[in-house]
C-alpha atoms as a PDB file:
ATOM      1  CA  MET A   1      28.982 174.682 158.665  1.00  0.00           C
ATOM      2  CA  THR A   2      28.707 176.669 162.004  1.00  0.00           C
ATOM      3  CA  GLN A   3      29.331 174.723 165.249  1.00  0.00           C
ATOM      4  CA  GLY A   4      29.277 176.729 168.591  1.00  0.00           C
ATOM      5  CA  GLY A   5      29.085 180.208 167.318  1.00  0.00           C
ATOM      6  CA  GLY A   6      31.425 179.677 164.313  1.00  0.00           C
ATOM      7  CA  SER A   7      31.243 180.238 160.819  1.00  0.00           C
ATOM      8  CA  GLY A   8      33.370 179.871 157.766  1.00  0.00           C
ATOM      9  CA  PRO A   9      36.972 177.953 157.728  1.00  0.00           C
ATOM     10  CA  SER A  10      37.493 178.624 161.390  1.00  0.00           C
ATOM     11  CA  GLY A  11      34.371 177.661 162.263  1.00  0.00           C
ATOM     12  CA  ALA A  12      34.389 174.321 160.367  1.00  0.00           C
ATOM     13  CA  MET A  13      37.999 173.804 161.847  1.00  0.00           C
ATOM     14  CA  SER A  14      36.212 174.410 165.534  1.00  0.00           C
ATOM     15  CA  ALA A  15      33.331 171.908 164.672  1.00  0.00           C
ATOM     16  CA  LYS A  16      35.838 169.202 163.508  1.00  0.00           C
ATOM     17  CA  SER A  17      38.419 169.674 166.389  1.00  0.00           C
ATOM     18  CA  SER A  18      35.552 169.756 169.405  1.00  0.00           C
ATOM     19  CA  PRO A  19      34.703 166.966 171.043  1.00  0.00           C
ATOM     20  CA  LEU A  20      32.403 164.038 169.763  1.00  0.00           C
ATOM     21  CA  THR A  21      29.174 164.176 170.747  1.00  0.00           C
ATOM     22  CA  GLY A  22      26.783 161.685 172.297  1.00  0.00           C
ATOM     23  CA  LEU A  23      25.009 161.066 169.044  1.00  0.00           C
ATOM     24  CA  GLU A  24      28.433 160.462 167.562  1.00  0.00           C
ATOM     25  CA  TYR A  25      29.402 158.131 170.051  1.00  0.00           C
ATOM     26  CA  LEU A  26      26.442 156.214 169.429  1.00  0.00           C
ATOM     27  CA  ALA A  27      27.049 156.160 165.597  1.00  0.00           C
ATOM     28  CA  ILE A  28      30.535 154.941 166.456  1.00  0.00           C
ATOM     29  CA  LEU A  29      29.065 152.055 168.756  1.00  0.00           C
ATOM     30  CA  ALA A  30      26.272 151.026 165.913  1.00  0.00           C
ATOM     31  CA  ILE A  31      29.087 150.745 163.212  1.00  0.00           C
ATOM     32  CA  ILE A  32      31.464 148.462 165.390  1.00  0.00           C
ATOM     33  CA  LEU A  33      28.568 146.726 166.817  1.00  0.00           C
ATOM     34  CA  THR A  34      27.388 145.887 162.942  1.00  0.00           C
ATOM     35  CA  TRP A  35      30.666 145.068 161.554  1.00  0.00           C
ATOM     36  CA  GLY A  36      31.357 142.712 164.439  1.00  0.00           C
ATOM     37  CA  ILE A  37      28.066 140.899 164.226  1.00  0.00           C
ATOM     38  CA  ASN A  38      28.584 140.890 160.351  1.00  0.00           C
ATOM     39  CA  ASN A  39      31.526 138.311 160.444  1.00  0.00           C
ATOM     40  CA  ALA A  40      29.652 136.386 162.649  1.00  0.00           C
ATOM     41  CA  ALA A  41      26.933 136.408 160.288  1.00  0.00           C
ATOM     42  CA  ALA A  42      29.301 135.798 157.093  1.00  0.00           C
ATOM     43  CA  LYS A  43      30.959 132.772 158.820  1.00  0.00           C
ATOM     44  CA  VAL A  44      26.894 131.683 159.624  1.00  0.00           C
ATOM     45  CA  ALA A  45      25.971 131.896 155.819  1.00  0.00           C
ATOM     46  CA  THR A  46      28.861 130.012 154.843  1.00  0.00           C
ATOM     47  CA  LEU A  47      28.065 127.221 156.714  1.00  0.00           C
ATOM     48  CA  TYR A  48      24.809 126.844 154.501  1.00  0.00           C
ATOM     49  CA  LEU A  49      25.202 128.401 151.428  1.00  0.00           C
ATOM     50  CA  PRO A  50      28.130 128.129 148.920  1.00  0.00           C
ATOM     51  CA  PRO A  51      30.865 130.949 149.500  1.00  0.00           C
ATOM     52  CA  MET A  52      30.684 132.715 145.998  1.00  0.00           C
ATOM     53  CA  LEU A  53      27.318 132.535 145.849  1.00  0.00           C
ATOM     54  CA  MET A  54      26.588 134.047 149.386  1.00  0.00           C
ATOM     55  CA  GLY A  55      28.716 136.871 148.185  1.00  0.00           C
ATOM     56  CA  GLY A  56      26.610 137.482 144.809  1.00  0.00           C
ATOM     57  CA  LEU A  57      23.646 137.311 147.150  1.00  0.00           C
ATOM     58  CA  ARG A  58      24.679 139.941 149.407  1.00  0.00           C
ATOM     59  CA  PHE A  59      26.032 142.011 146.695  1.00  0.00           C
ATOM     60  CA  LEU A  60      22.686 142.049 144.854  1.00  0.00           C
ATOM     61  CA  ALA A  61      20.577 142.644 148.044  1.00  0.00           C
ATOM     62  CA  ALA A  62      22.829 145.997 148.804  1.00  0.00           C
ATOM     63  CA  LEU A  63      22.291 146.813 144.967  1.00  0.00           C
ATOM     64  CA  ALA A  64      19.052 147.210 145.220  1.00  0.00           C
ATOM     65  CA  PHE A  65      19.571 150.218 148.032  1.00  0.00           C
ATOM     66  CA  LEU A  66      22.921 151.567 146.466  1.00  0.00           C
ATOM     67  CA  PHE A  67      21.850 151.635 142.642  1.00  0.00           C
ATOM     68  CA  PRO A  68      20.491 155.231 142.793  1.00  0.00           C
ATOM     69  CA  PHE A  69      23.939 156.223 143.523  1.00  0.00           C
ATOM     70  CA  VAL A  70      25.494 154.788 140.946  1.00  0.00           C
ATOM     71  CA  ARG A  71      25.166 157.664 138.385  1.00  0.00           C
ATOM     72  CA  PRO A  72      27.931 159.877 136.243  1.00  0.00           C
ATOM     73  CA  PRO A  73      30.748 161.183 135.906  1.00  0.00           C
ATOM     74  CA  PHE A  74      33.003 158.326 136.806  1.00  0.00           C
ATOM     75  CA  PRO A  75      36.317 159.651 136.773  1.00  0.00           C
ATOM     76  CA  GLU A  76      39.393 156.970 135.751  1.00  0.00           C
ATOM     77  CA  PRO A  77      37.178 154.559 134.941  1.00  0.00           C
ATOM     78  CA  ARG A  78      39.931 152.079 134.528  1.00  0.00           C
ATOM     79  CA  LYS A  79      41.374 152.898 138.082  1.00  0.00           C
ATOM     80  CA  VAL A  80      37.894 152.676 139.405  1.00  0.00           C
ATOM     81  CA  LEU A  81      37.288 149.027 137.873  1.00  0.00           C
ATOM     82  CA  ALA A  82      40.450 147.962 139.645  1.00  0.00           C
ATOM     83  CA  ILE A  83      39.319 149.385 143.043  1.00  0.00           C
ATOM     84  CA  VAL A  84      35.727 147.447 142.544  1.00  0.00           C
ATOM     85  CA  LEU A  85      37.018 144.631 141.709  1.00  0.00           C
ATOM     86  CA  LEU A  86      39.509 144.451 144.471  1.00  0.00           C
ATOM     87  CA  THR A  87      37.065 145.428 147.024  1.00  0.00           C
ATOM     88  CA  GLY A  88      34.251 143.227 145.804  1.00  0.00           C
ATOM     89  CA  PRO A  89      34.594 140.152 143.912  1.00  0.00           C
ATOM     90  CA  ILE A  90      38.364 139.509 144.294  1.00  0.00           C
ATOM     91  CA  HIS A  91      38.049 140.186 148.539  1.00  0.00           C
ATOM     92  CA  PHE A  92      34.794 139.091 149.606  1.00  0.00           C
ATOM     93  CA  GLY A  93      35.493 136.481 147.242  1.00  0.00           C
ATOM     94  CA  ILE A  94      38.355 135.143 148.924  1.00  0.00           C
ATOM     95  CA  ILE A  95      37.004 135.843 152.296  1.00  0.00           C
ATOM     96  CA  TYR A  96      33.823 133.816 151.884  1.00  0.00           C
ATOM     97  CA  VAL A  97      35.654 130.972 150.977  1.00  0.00           C
ATOM     98  CA  ALA A  98      38.052 131.144 153.926  1.00  0.00           C
ATOM     99  CA  PHE A  99      35.230 131.550 156.593  1.00  0.00           C
ATOM    100  CA  SER A 100      33.846 128.283 154.628  1.00  0.00           C
ATOM    101  CA  MET A 101      36.748 126.427 155.015  1.00  0.00           C
ATOM    102  CA  ALA A 102      37.651 127.412 158.829  1.00  0.00           C
ATOM    103  CA  ASP A 103      36.322 125.737 161.894  1.00  0.00           C
ATOM    104  CA  ALA A 104      36.838 128.841 164.466  1.00  0.00           C
ATOM    105  CA  LEU A 105      36.038 132.633 163.435  1.00  0.00           C
ATOM    106  CA  SER A 106      38.300 134.629 165.831  1.00  0.00           C
ATOM    107  CA  PRO A 107      41.559 133.892 164.109  1.00  0.00           C
ATOM    108  CA  LEU A 108      40.360 134.944 160.999  1.00  0.00           C
ATOM    109  CA  VAL A 109      38.879 138.336 162.128  1.00  0.00           C
ATOM    110  CA  VAL A 110      42.107 139.233 163.716  1.00  0.00           C
ATOM    111  CA  ALA A 111      44.099 138.226 160.685  1.00  0.00           C
ATOM    112  CA  SER A 112      41.851 140.222 158.453  1.00  0.00           C
ATOM    113  CA  GLN A 113      43.142 143.259 160.153  1.00  0.00           C
ATOM    114  CA  LEU A 114      46.382 143.528 158.749  1.00  0.00           C
ATOM    115  CA  TRP A 115      45.092 145.191 155.585  1.00  0.00           C
ATOM    116  CA  ILE A 116      46.071 148.164 157.961  1.00  0.00           C
ATOM    117  CA  PRO A 117      49.772 147.507 157.932  1.00  0.00           C
ATOM    118  CA  PHE A 118      48.978 146.332 154.444  1.00  0.00           C
ATOM    119  CA  THR A 119      48.318 149.452 153.522  1.00  0.00           C
ATOM    120  CA  ALA A 120      51.310 150.853 154.828  1.00  0.00           C
ATOM    121  CA  VAL A 121      53.824 148.749 152.923  1.00  0.00           C
ATOM    122  CA  PHE A 122      51.985 149.788 149.816  1.00  0.00           C
ATOM    123  CA  ALA A 123      51.670 153.357 150.542  1.00  0.00           C
ATOM    124  CA  TRP A 124      55.300 153.481 150.741  1.00  0.00           C
ATOM    125  CA  ARG A 125      56.231 151.401 147.898  1.00  0.00           C
ATOM    126  CA  MET A 126      53.461 152.973 145.171  1.00  0.00           C
ATOM    127  CA  LEU A 127      52.970 156.502 146.733  1.00  0.00           C
ATOM    128  CA  GLY A 128      56.443 157.501 148.117  1.00  0.00           C
ATOM    129  CA  GLU A 129      54.666 157.954 151.576  1.00  0.00           C
ATOM    130  CA  THR A 130      57.403 157.742 154.619  1.00  0.00           C
ATOM    131  CA  MET A 131      56.732 154.806 157.427  1.00  0.00           C
ATOM    132  CA  ARG A 132      57.248 156.162 160.548  1.00  0.00           C
ATOM    133  CA  LEU A 133      59.221 154.060 163.290  1.00  0.00           C
ATOM    134  CA  PRO A 134      56.040 153.562 165.162  1.00  0.00           C
ATOM    135  CA  ALA A 135      54.316 152.050 161.938  1.00  0.00           C
ATOM    136  CA  VAL A 136      57.681 149.904 161.208  1.00  0.00           C
ATOM    137  CA  VAL A 137      57.079 148.369 164.468  1.00  0.00           C
ATOM    138  CA  GLY A 138      53.728 147.990 164.562  1.00  0.00           C
ATOM    139  CA  LEU A 139      53.457 146.171 161.111  1.00  0.00           C
ATOM    140  CA  VAL A 140      56.185 143.182 162.671  1.00  0.00           C
ATOM    141  CA  VAL A 141      54.425 143.068 165.611  1.00  0.00           C
ATOM    142  CA  ALA A 142      51.249 142.450 163.755  1.00  0.00           C
ATOM    143  CA  PHE A 143      52.728 139.918 161.752  1.00  0.00           C
ATOM    144  CA  VAL A 144      54.588 138.025 164.533  1.00  0.00           C
ATOM    145  CA  GLY A 145      51.236 138.063 166.106  1.00  0.00           C
ATOM    146  CA  VAL A 146      49.332 136.096 163.377  1.00  0.00           C
ATOM    147  CA  ALA A 147      52.119 133.712 162.940  1.00  0.00           C
ATOM    148  CA  TRP A 148      52.352 133.041 166.798  1.00  0.00           C
ATOM    149  CA  MET A 149      48.500 133.063 166.955  1.00  0.00           C
ATOM    150  CA  SER A 150      48.387 130.499 163.668  1.00  0.00           C
ATOM    151  CA  LEU A 151      50.483 128.165 165.235  1.00  0.00           C
ATOM    152  CA  ASP A 152      48.350 127.043 167.966  1.00  0.00           C
ATOM    153  CA  PRO A 153      47.552 123.567 168.214  1.00  0.00           C
ATOM    154  CA  HIS A 154      43.645 124.743 168.012  1.00  0.00           C
ATOM    155  CA  ALA A 155      44.206 127.020 164.622  1.00  0.00           C
ATOM    156  CA  THR A 156      46.925 125.157 162.526  1.00  0.00           C
ATOM    157  CA  GLY A 157      43.936 123.150 160.796  1.00  0.00           C
ATOM    158  CA  ASP A 158      42.664 126.622 160.032  1.00  0.00           C
ATOM    159  CA  LEU A 159      46.095 127.853 158.418  1.00  0.00           C
ATOM    160  CA  PRO A 160      45.177 127.792 154.877  1.00  0.00           C
ATOM    161  CA  ALA A 161      42.079 130.053 155.703  1.00  0.00           C
ATOM    162  CA  ILE A 162      44.057 132.045 157.616  1.00  0.00           C
ATOM    163  CA  ALA A 163      46.540 132.433 154.799  1.00  0.00           C
ATOM    164  CA  LEU A 164      43.455 133.339 152.254  1.00  0.00           C
ATOM    165  CA  ILE A 165      42.582 136.073 154.721  1.00  0.00           C
ATOM    166  CA  VAL A 166      46.034 137.482 154.672  1.00  0.00           C
ATOM    167  CA  VAL A 167      45.574 137.515 150.988  1.00  0.00           C
ATOM    168  CA  ALA A 168      42.543 139.051 150.950  1.00  0.00           C
ATOM    169  CA  GLY A 169      43.900 141.764 153.298  1.00  0.00           C
ATOM    170  CA  ALA A 170      46.483 142.513 150.718  1.00  0.00           C
ATOM    171  CA  CYS A 171      44.229 142.847 147.968  1.00  0.00           C
ATOM    172  CA  TRP A 172      42.088 145.480 150.440  1.00  0.00           C
ATOM    173  CA  ALA A 173      45.180 147.311 151.147  1.00  0.00           C
ATOM    174  CA  VAL A 174      46.213 147.893 147.307  1.00  0.00           C
ATOM    175  CA  ALA A 175      42.557 148.943 146.609  1.00  0.00           C
ATOM    176  CA  THR A 176      43.000 151.739 149.210  1.00  0.00           C
ATOM    177  CA  VAL A 177      45.879 152.818 148.022  1.00  0.00           C
ATOM    178  CA  LEU A 178      44.643 153.228 144.762  1.00  0.00           C
ATOM    179  CA  VAL A 179      41.546 155.176 146.051  1.00  0.00           C
ATOM    180  CA  ARG A 180      44.502 157.717 147.509  1.00  0.00           C
ATOM    181  CA  LYS A 181      45.323 158.463 143.919  1.00  0.00           C
ATOM    182  CA  THR A 182      41.755 158.862 142.862  1.00  0.00           C
ATOM    183  CA  PRO A 183      39.694 161.826 142.251  1.00  0.00           C
ATOM    184  CA  GLY A 184      37.209 162.276 145.035  1.00  0.00           C
ATOM    185  CA  ILE A 185      34.410 159.774 144.770  1.00  0.00           C
ATOM    186  CA  LYS A 186      31.634 159.803 147.436  1.00  0.00           C
ATOM    187  CA  PRO A 187      31.705 156.249 149.230  1.00  0.00           C
ATOM    188  CA  LEU A 188      27.900 155.127 148.856  1.00  0.00           C
ATOM    189  CA  LYS A 189      28.824 155.839 145.074  1.00  0.00           C
ATOM    190  CA  MET A 190      31.843 153.785 145.337  1.00  0.00           C
ATOM    191  CA  GLN A 191      29.702 150.889 147.275  1.00  0.00           C
ATOM    192  CA  GLY A 192      27.035 151.121 144.995  1.00  0.00           C
ATOM    193  CA  MET A 193      29.825 150.751 142.027  1.00  0.00           C
ATOM    194  CA  THR A 194      31.048 147.546 143.848  1.00  0.00           C
ATOM    195  CA  ALA A 195      28.307 145.928 144.454  1.00  0.00           C
ATOM    196  CA  LEU A 196      27.128 146.473 140.769  1.00  0.00           C
ATOM    197  CA  VAL A 197      30.357 144.474 139.535  1.00  0.00           C
ATOM    198  CA  ALA A 198      30.805 142.328 142.427  1.00  0.00           C
ATOM    199  CA  ALA A 199      26.837 140.698 142.424  1.00  0.00           C
ATOM    200  CA  PRO A 200      27.275 139.279 138.734  1.00  0.00           C
ATOM    201  CA  VAL A 201      30.979 138.284 139.021  1.00  0.00           C
ATOM    202  CA  LEU A 202      30.373 136.510 142.261  1.00  0.00           C
ATOM    203  CA  LEU A 203      27.356 134.906 141.165  1.00  0.00           C
ATOM    204  CA  ALA A 204      29.093 133.589 137.443  1.00  0.00           C
ATOM    205  CA  MET A 205      32.109 132.234 139.757  1.00  0.00           C
ATOM    206  CA  SER A 206      29.241 130.368 141.815  1.00  0.00           C
ATOM    207  CA  LEU A 207      28.059 128.505 138.538  1.00  0.00           C
ATOM    208  CA  VAL A 208      31.406 127.628 137.320  1.00  0.00           C
ATOM    209  CA  PHE A 209      33.158 127.038 140.391  1.00  0.00           C
ATOM    210  CA  GLU A 210      30.477 125.738 143.086  1.00  0.00           C
ATOM    211  CA  THR A 211      27.896 123.017 142.758  1.00  0.00           C
ATOM    212  CA  GLY A 212      24.277 122.240 144.693  1.00  0.00           C
ATOM    213  CA  GLN A 213      23.300 125.578 144.690  1.00  0.00           C
ATOM    214  CA  VAL A 214      19.852 124.790 144.109  1.00  0.00           C
ATOM    215  CA  GLU A 215      19.511 122.169 146.689  1.00  0.00           C
ATOM    216  CA  ARG A 216      21.714 123.946 149.588  1.00  0.00           C
ATOM    217  CA  ILE A 217      19.378 127.475 148.533  1.00  0.00           C
ATOM    218  CA  LYS A 218      16.246 125.189 149.303  1.00  0.00           C
ATOM    219  CA  ALA A 219      17.860 123.596 152.523  1.00  0.00           C
ATOM    220  CA  ALA A 220      19.269 126.708 153.944  1.00  0.00           C
ATOM    221  CA  PRO A 221      17.400 127.982 157.080  1.00  0.00           C
ATOM    222  CA  PRO A 222      16.050 131.341 158.208  1.00  0.00           C
ATOM    223  CA  ILE A 223      19.124 132.593 159.781  1.00  0.00           C
ATOM    224  CA  ALA A 224      21.343 131.739 156.983  1.00  0.00           C
ATOM    225  CA  TRP A 225      18.919 134.423 154.967  1.00  0.00           C
ATOM    226  CA  ALA A 226      18.587 136.643 157.750  1.00  0.00           C
ATOM    227  CA  ALA A 227      22.844 136.645 157.715  1.00  0.00           C
ATOM    228  CA  VAL A 228      22.830 137.425 154.138  1.00  0.00           C
ATOM    229  CA  LEU A 229      20.195 140.331 154.351  1.00  0.00           C
ATOM    230  CA  PHE A 230      22.332 141.796 157.680  1.00  0.00           C
ATOM    231  CA  ALA A 231      25.241 141.576 155.660  1.00  0.00           C
ATOM    232  CA  ALA A 232      23.676 143.465 152.586  1.00  0.00           C
ATOM    233  CA  VAL A 233      21.417 146.083 154.271  1.00  0.00           C
ATOM    234  CA  VAL A 234      22.690 146.665 158.100  1.00  0.00           C
ATOM    235  CA  SER A 235      26.754 146.098 157.249  1.00  0.00           C
ATOM    236  CA  THR A 236      27.143 147.304 153.537  1.00  0.00           C
ATOM    237  CA  VAL A 237      24.193 150.330 153.477  1.00  0.00           C
ATOM    238  CA  GLY A 238      23.302 151.156 156.872  1.00  0.00           C
ATOM    239  CA  ALA A 239      27.083 151.119 158.719  1.00  0.00           C
ATOM    240  CA  SER A 240      28.400 152.724 155.516  1.00  0.00           C
ATOM    241  CA  ALA A 241      25.670 155.419 155.607  1.00  0.00           C
ATOM    242  CA  LEU A 242      26.657 156.067 159.015  1.00  0.00           C
ATOM    243  CA  LEU A 243      30.338 156.148 158.804  1.00  0.00           C
ATOM    244  CA  PHE A 244      30.171 158.521 155.757  1.00  0.00           C
ATOM    245  CA  TRP A 245      27.766 160.700 158.047  1.00  0.00           C
ATOM    246  CA  LEU A 246      30.693 160.314 160.613  1.00  0.00           C
ATOM    247  CA  VAL A 247      33.416 161.383 158.551  1.00  0.00           C
ATOM    248  CA  GLN A 248      31.477 164.368 156.762  1.00  0.00           C
ATOM    249  CA  ARG A 249      31.419 166.579 160.599  1.00  0.00           C
ATOM    250  CA  ARG A 250      34.735 164.839 161.426  1.00  0.00           C
ATOM    251  CA  GLU A 251      38.291 164.211 160.384  1.00  0.00           C
ATOM    252  CA  ALA A 252      38.280 160.489 159.548  1.00  0.00           C
ATOM    253  CA  GLY A 253      41.321 159.894 161.333  1.00  0.00           C
ATOM    254  CA  ARG A 254      39.308 160.750 164.533  1.00  0.00           C
ATOM    255  CA  VAL A 255      36.625 158.139 164.269  1.00  0.00           C
ATOM    256  CA  THR A 256      38.409 155.075 162.716  1.00  0.00           C
ATOM    257  CA  PRO A 257      40.554 154.525 165.209  1.00  0.00           C
ATOM    258  CA  TYR A 258      37.819 153.255 167.412  1.00  0.00           C
ATOM    259  CA  PHE A 259      36.906 150.784 164.875  1.00  0.00           C
ATOM    260  CA  LEU A 260      39.633 148.400 166.083  1.00  0.00           C
ATOM    261  CA  LEU A 261      37.436 147.255 168.688  1.00  0.00           C
ATOM    262  CA  THR A 262      35.676 145.446 166.135  1.00  0.00           C
ATOM    263  CA  PRO A 263      37.364 142.274 166.322  1.00  0.00           C
ATOM    264  CA  LEU A 264      36.765 142.260 169.898  1.00  0.00           C
ATOM    265  CA  VAL A 265      32.724 142.078 169.242  1.00  0.00           C
ATOM    266  CA  SER A 266      33.460 139.349 166.239  1.00  0.00           C
ATOM    267  CA  CYS A 267      35.675 137.457 168.602  1.00  0.00           C
ATOM    268  CA  THR A 268      33.254 137.144 171.682  1.00  0.00           C
ATOM    269  CA  ILE A 269      30.342 136.003 169.609  1.00  0.00           C
ATOM    270  CA  GLY A 270      32.759 133.299 168.020  1.00  0.00           C
ATOM    271  CA  ILE A 271      33.491 132.007 171.676  1.00  0.00           C
ATOM    272  CA  LEU A 272      30.009 132.286 173.102  1.00  0.00           C
ATOM    273  CA  PHE A 273      28.164 130.906 170.096  1.00  0.00           C
ATOM    274  CA  LEU A 274      30.143 129.297 167.393  1.00  0.00           C
ATOM    275  CA  GLY A 275      32.533 127.138 169.697  1.00  0.00           C
ATOM    276  CA  ASP A 276      35.434 129.170 169.347  1.00  0.00           C
ATOM    277  CA  LYS A 277      38.582 127.771 171.737  1.00  0.00           C
ATOM    278  CA  LEU A 278      40.356 130.627 173.873  1.00  0.00           C
ATOM    279  CA  THR A 279      44.144 129.701 174.351  1.00  0.00           C
ATOM    280  CA  PRO A 280      46.603 131.466 175.681  1.00  0.00           C
ATOM    281  CA  GLN A 281      48.129 131.092 172.422  1.00  0.00           C
ATOM    282  CA  LEU A 282      45.691 132.242 170.593  1.00  0.00           C
ATOM    283  CA  LEU A 283      44.908 135.136 173.202  1.00  0.00           C
ATOM    284  CA  ILE A 284      48.851 136.214 172.975  1.00  0.00           C
ATOM    285  CA  GLY A 285      48.901 136.267 169.040  1.00  0.00           C
ATOM    286  CA  GLY A 286      45.838 137.812 168.899  1.00  0.00           C
ATOM    287  CA  GLY A 287      46.709 140.793 171.473  1.00  0.00           C
ATOM    288  CA  ALA A 288      50.043 141.371 169.750  1.00  0.00           C
ATOM    289  CA  THR A 289      48.382 141.454 166.480  1.00  0.00           C
ATOM    290  CA  MET A 290      45.822 144.196 167.621  1.00  0.00           C
ATOM    291  CA  VAL A 291      48.538 146.182 169.237  1.00  0.00           C
ATOM    292  CA  GLY A 292      50.709 146.293 166.244  1.00  0.00           C
ATOM    293  CA  VAL A 293      47.964 147.216 163.839  1.00  0.00           C
ATOM    294  CA  ALA A 294      46.853 149.945 166.409  1.00  0.00           C
ATOM    295  CA  LEU A 295      50.412 151.181 166.136  1.00  0.00           C
ATOM    296  CA  VAL A 296      50.276 151.527 162.469  1.00  0.00           C
ATOM    297  CA  ALA A 297      46.483 153.191 162.521  1.00  0.00           C
ATOM    298  CA  MET A 298      47.517 155.712 165.066  1.00  0.00           C
ATOM    299  CA  THR A 299      50.500 156.551 163.237  1.00  0.00           C
ATOM    300  CA  GLU A 300      48.694 156.949 159.500  1.00  0.00           C
ATOM    301  CA  LYS A 301      47.340 160.345 159.393  1.00  0.00           C
ATOM    302  CA  ARG A 302      46.551 160.421 155.783  1.00  0.00           C
ATOM    303  CA  ILE A 303      42.692 158.967 156.080  1.00  0.00           C
ATOM    304  CA  LYS A 304      40.160 159.822 153.529  1.00  0.00           C
ATOM    305  CA  PRO A 305      36.440 159.218 153.609  1.00  0.00           C
ATOM    306  CA  GLU A 306      36.459 156.624 150.852  1.00  0.00           C
ATOM    307  CA  GLU A 307      39.302 154.743 153.188  1.00  0.00           C
ATOM    308  CA  ALA A 308      37.285 154.943 156.327  1.00  0.00           C
ATOM    309  CA  LEU A 309      34.362 152.995 154.508  1.00  0.00           C
ATOM    310  CA  ALA A 310      37.134 149.556 154.665  1.00  0.00           C
ATOM    311  CA  GLU A 311      34.835 147.466 156.476  1.00  0.00           C
ATOM    312  CA  ALA A 312      35.619 144.066 157.918  1.00  0.00           C
ATOM    313  CA  ALA A 313      34.886 141.195 156.498  1.00  0.00           C
END
């Protein structure tokens, strides 16, 4: 790749380190808005559809677009299966159950960002990576922020859902660390394999654990189906493709910090349209959490394209 007259390795390095272009900033903005809206869309969809059914339908629709990317070779199949189970049916199954249980969106979205400090902890334990002091401080601040936010009187009713979100973040973090130990698999191929596994697993879990699916499908308004399709096509396929395009052009670490703005979009939608209440305790706790997450994210250097595809629920 050449840019600005450079060629070969030095030209590629120059292209990676040059200022972001206007088109790249537009792509970043599109991803932030997509992932931020996707959180609200998931909350709306789980108001009308059973959560596991909603997740299964999301991945089934996404698979229609991603299936062409699922083709051999499949290196380390057992490890890849663990990754797709963690990032697909386990993570999203828990996430959608939590969304269906909670009254407010904002605390859940903020708590979901704990996957970033969880990743630093698991990388330290599983890979022997060093945790620098800013990351340790950020980790403590992030967890204290979630605890403080969760103890707000307006959020205590959502404590079980927040706890589930934290568990889901830990599952995603383990998968992220496993990705680091797995030979390169292109992100859209990984997304396709995740959809291939998640769709039948979540639909089967819905059949076993949920009831009234047929009635709720018939009663679901158009906005519920729009939310499912948005999650499947715009978020899972569109935003992931944009991000893959970005990290092919740039170091992933140069673009991923911008995605810390995603919760701001989700929380704004939650407050303006979904009835979330913004209290001082929620604001302080949420702000502290995001500051802590940002400290960890800015300290983290080893970000691969596959890890960059970790999307907000």
